[in-house]
Amino acid sequence: MHFTELVKTIKERREVLQVTQERLAELSGVGLRTLKQFESGKGNPTLSTLQKLSDVLGMEVCLKIKNVGPSQ
């Protein structure tokens, strides 16, 4: 999943659950400013931040690493 899809998915989930940005920030321990930047596509959240948000939203973070070139 690309970053823009990730942002859209998390924002949509928050809206479906009718959770405000302020409430999500409070419940997750993520700063409101960080959350607003993330949802506007301007932030660069850490995996820890993504995990905190997804925990509150009932989502799961799955990291997929793939080899795209010859190994060294």
Protein backbone atom coordinates (compact mmCIF):
# COMPACT_ATOMS: atom_id res chain seq x y z
CA MET A 1 0.00 0.00 0.00
CA HIS A 2 1.33 3.39 -0.94
CA PHE A 3 1.52 6.21 1.59
CA THR A 4 -1.44 8.11 0.11
CA GLU A 5 -3.60 4.98 0.33
CA LEU A 6 -2.51 4.46 3.92
CA VAL A 7 -3.46 8.02 4.84
CA LYS A 8 -6.83 7.65 3.12
CA THR A 9 -7.56 4.30 4.81
CA ILE A 10 -6.79 5.55 8.31
CA LYS A 11 -8.74 8.78 7.82
CA GLU A 12 -11.75 6.92 6.40
CA ARG A 13 -11.71 4.45 9.31
CA ARG A 14 -11.60 7.31 11.80
CA GLU A 15 -14.57 8.95 10.09
CA VAL A 16 -16.58 5.71 9.90
CA LEU A 17 -16.09 5.27 13.64
CA GLN A 18 -17.09 8.94 14.11
CA VAL A 19 -13.91 9.72 16.01
CA THR A 20 -12.62 13.27 15.82
CA GLN A 21 -8.95 13.99 15.24
CA GLU A 22 -8.80 15.41 18.75
CA ARG A 23 -10.25 12.24 20.28
CA LEU A 24 -8.01 9.94 18.23
CA ALA A 25 -4.97 11.93 19.29
CA GLU A 26 -6.05 11.67 22.93
CA LEU A 27 -6.80 7.94 22.80
CA SER A 28 -3.67 7.02 20.87
CA GLY A 29 -1.17 9.28 22.58
CA VAL A 30 -0.23 10.78 19.22
CA GLY A 31 0.02 14.55 19.10
CA LEU A 32 -2.87 16.35 17.43
CA ARG A 33 -0.48 18.30 15.22
CA THR A 34 1.21 15.04 14.15
CA LEU A 35 -2.16 13.49 13.34
CA LYS A 36 -3.32 16.52 11.35
CA GLN A 37 -0.08 16.56 9.35
CA PHE A 38 -0.39 12.85 8.67
CA GLU A 39 -4.00 13.11 7.48
CA SER A 40 -3.13 16.03 5.23
CA GLY A 41 -0.36 13.96 3.63
CA LYS A 42 2.38 16.22 4.92
CA GLY A 43 3.60 14.12 7.83
CA ASN A 44 5.95 11.18 7.87
CA PRO A 45 4.76 9.02 10.76
CA THR A 46 6.93 6.40 12.39
CA LEU A 47 5.84 2.78 12.53
CA SER A 48 5.19 3.33 16.22
CA THR A 49 2.80 6.18 15.44
CA LEU A 50 1.01 4.10 12.83
CA GLN A 51 0.69 1.25 15.33
CA LYS A 52 -0.80 3.55 17.98
CA LEU A 53 -3.37 4.92 15.54
CA SER A 54 -4.29 1.53 14.15
CA ASP A 55 -4.68 0.04 17.64
CA VAL A 56 -7.29 2.65 18.53
CA LEU A 57 -9.04 2.27 15.18
CA GLY A 58 -9.15 -1.53 15.38
CA MET A 59 -6.78 -1.97 12.47
CA GLU A 60 -3.59 -3.95 11.98
CA VAL A 61 -0.28 -2.70 10.63
CA CYS A 62 1.41 -5.23 8.39
CA LEU A 63 4.87 -4.49 7.02
CA LYS A 64 5.78 -6.16 3.77
CA ILE A 65 9.36 -6.05 2.59
CA LYS A 66 10.20 -7.32 -0.83
CA ASN A 67 13.43 -7.77 -2.70
CA VAL A 68 13.37 -5.62 -5.83
CA GLY A 69 16.88 -6.16 -7.04
CA PRO A 70 19.81 -8.55 -7.00
CA SER A 71 21.19 -9.34 -3.57
CA GLN A 72 24.68 -8.15 -2.79
